[in-house]
Amino acid sequence: MKPNPAECCDGEKSGDAMIIQLESNFMLLGDRDLASIDFDRPSITLVDLLDEISARSSNTMHFLTRDGTGLDESWVVEVNGCSCATLPNGIKTSLQDGDRVTIKLSLICGG
């Protein structure tokens, strides 16, 4: 059986609800951090997760490109330690209960 692309590490889907573990290098909700997020449905995509975090944030955060087809270059997103860019379905990757998603601001250097 072929593993789910979101399962770069151990992970198993369970029941009708799911919890996604979160890590970041900034406060995800603008004024406070978020260590995990619960969903009352059995399946979500990375896009769904990013949209939900944006909706809950006190700051205006846009993780996706204007046309919504890709990740904005200001962000680095990993699912279970695997870069979103290397996942076969990219931002449309289905997440599983217990997956760990890391969202970081990309370091932009100039001179």
Protein backbone atom coordinates (compact mmCIF):
# COMPACT_ATOMS: atom_id res chain seq x y z
CA MET A 1 0.00 0.00 0.00
CA LYS A 2 1.36 3.40 -0.99
CA PRO A 3 1.88 5.80 1.97
CA ASN A 4 0.02 9.08 2.15
CA PRO A 5 2.29 11.92 0.90
CA ALA A 6 1.62 13.81 4.13
CA GLU A 7 3.14 10.95 6.10
CA CYS A 8 6.85 11.70 5.84
CA CYS A 9 7.05 10.64 9.45
CA ASP A 10 4.73 8.34 11.42
CA GLY A 11 1.08 9.30 11.28
CA GLU A 12 -2.26 7.58 11.25
CA LYS A 13 -5.71 8.90 10.50
CA SER A 14 -8.36 8.35 13.17
CA GLY A 15 -12.10 8.91 13.55
CA ASP A 16 -14.16 11.84 12.32
CA ALA A 17 -12.10 14.53 14.04
CA MET A 18 -8.47 15.42 13.73
CA ILE A 19 -5.79 17.44 15.47
CA ILE A 20 -2.93 19.02 13.55
CA GLN A 21 0.17 19.92 15.58
CA LEU A 22 1.69 23.31 14.72
CA GLU A 23 5.14 24.87 14.99
CA SER A 24 6.26 28.32 13.89
CA ASN A 25 8.94 30.97 14.32
CA PHE A 26 6.31 33.66 15.02
CA MET A 27 2.97 33.95 16.82
CA LEU A 28 0.54 32.24 14.46
CA LEU A 29 -2.51 34.19 15.59
CA GLY A 30 -0.75 37.54 15.75
CA ASP A 31 -1.31 38.17 19.44
CA ARG A 32 -0.88 34.60 20.68
CA ASP A 33 0.61 31.32 19.55
CA LEU A 34 -1.19 28.15 18.57
CA ALA A 35 0.32 24.71 19.32
CA SER A 36 -2.41 22.68 17.62
CA ILE A 37 -5.68 23.08 15.81
CA ASP A 38 -8.72 20.79 15.93
CA PHE A 39 -11.01 20.07 13.01
CA ASP A 40 -14.38 18.36 13.32
CA ARG A 41 -14.05 16.66 9.96
CA PRO A 42 -11.99 13.63 8.96
CA SER A 43 -10.05 15.24 6.12
CA ILE A 44 -8.49 18.61 5.36
CA THR A 45 -5.83 19.87 3.00
CA LEU A 46 -2.87 22.09 3.74
CA VAL A 47 -4.78 24.92 2.00
CA ASP A 48 -7.71 24.40 4.42
CA LEU A 49 -5.33 24.61 7.39
CA LEU A 50 -3.61 27.76 6.13
CA ASP A 51 -6.98 29.40 5.41
CA GLU A 52 -8.22 28.53 8.93
CA ILE A 53 -5.11 30.01 10.57
CA SER A 54 -5.48 33.17 8.45
CA ALA A 55 -9.14 33.49 9.47
CA ARG A 56 -8.31 33.12 13.19
CA SER A 57 -5.33 35.51 13.16
CA SER A 58 -5.59 39.03 14.53
CA ASN A 59 -3.14 40.09 11.81
CA THR A 60 -3.77 39.97 8.10
CA MET A 61 -1.82 36.95 6.93
CA HIS A 62 -1.82 35.61 3.41
CA PHE A 63 -0.01 32.31 3.05
CA LEU A 64 -1.01 31.72 -0.56
CA THR A 65 -0.24 33.52 -3.79
CA ARG A 66 -2.90 35.96 -5.02
CA ASP A 67 -4.40 33.36 -7.36
CA GLY A 68 -4.43 30.78 -4.53
CA THR A 69 -2.50 28.17 -6.49
CA GLY A 70 0.76 28.22 -4.56
CA LEU A 71 2.52 29.18 -1.38
CA ASP A 72 3.61 32.82 -1.13
CA GLU A 73 7.41 33.06 -1.19
CA SER A 74 7.39 34.78 2.22
CA TRP A 75 6.58 31.46 3.89
CA VAL A 76 8.28 28.11 4.41
CA VAL A 77 5.81 25.33 5.20
CA GLU A 78 6.65 21.74 6.11
CA VAL A 79 4.44 18.73 6.75
CA ASN A 80 6.07 16.22 9.09
CA GLY A 81 9.48 17.70 8.28
CA CYS A 82 8.99 17.59 4.49
CA SER A 83 8.93 20.84 2.54
CA CYS A 84 5.56 21.62 0.98
CA ALA A 85 7.43 22.16 -2.29
CA THR A 86 8.55 18.50 -2.34
CA LEU A 87 5.17 16.97 -1.56
CA PRO A 88 3.50 15.46 -4.67
CA ASN A 89 0.30 17.47 -4.12
CA GLY A 90 1.97 20.58 -2.70
CA ILE A 91 -0.52 22.83 -0.90
CA LYS A 92 -3.34 20.44 -1.83
CA THR A 93 -1.77 17.66 0.28
CA SER A 94 -4.30 15.91 2.49
CA LEU A 95 -3.40 16.11 6.16
CA GLN A 96 -3.90 13.28 8.62
CA ASP A 97 -4.76 13.30 12.32
CA GLY A 98 -1.56 13.98 14.28
CA ASP A 99 0.42 15.50 11.40
CA ARG A 100 2.87 18.24 12.36
CA VAL A 101 2.85 21.37 10.21
CA THR A 102 5.65 23.89 10.56
CA ILE A 103 5.04 27.42 9.29
CA LYS A 104 7.96 29.84 9.22
CA LEU A 105 8.54 33.30 7.91
CA SER A 106 11.17 33.03 5.21
CA LEU A 107 14.37 34.87 6.03
CA ILE A 108 14.86 37.55 3.43
CA CYS A 109 18.26 39.18 3.36
CA GLY A 110 19.25 42.22 1.41
CA GLY A 111 22.12 44.51 1.19
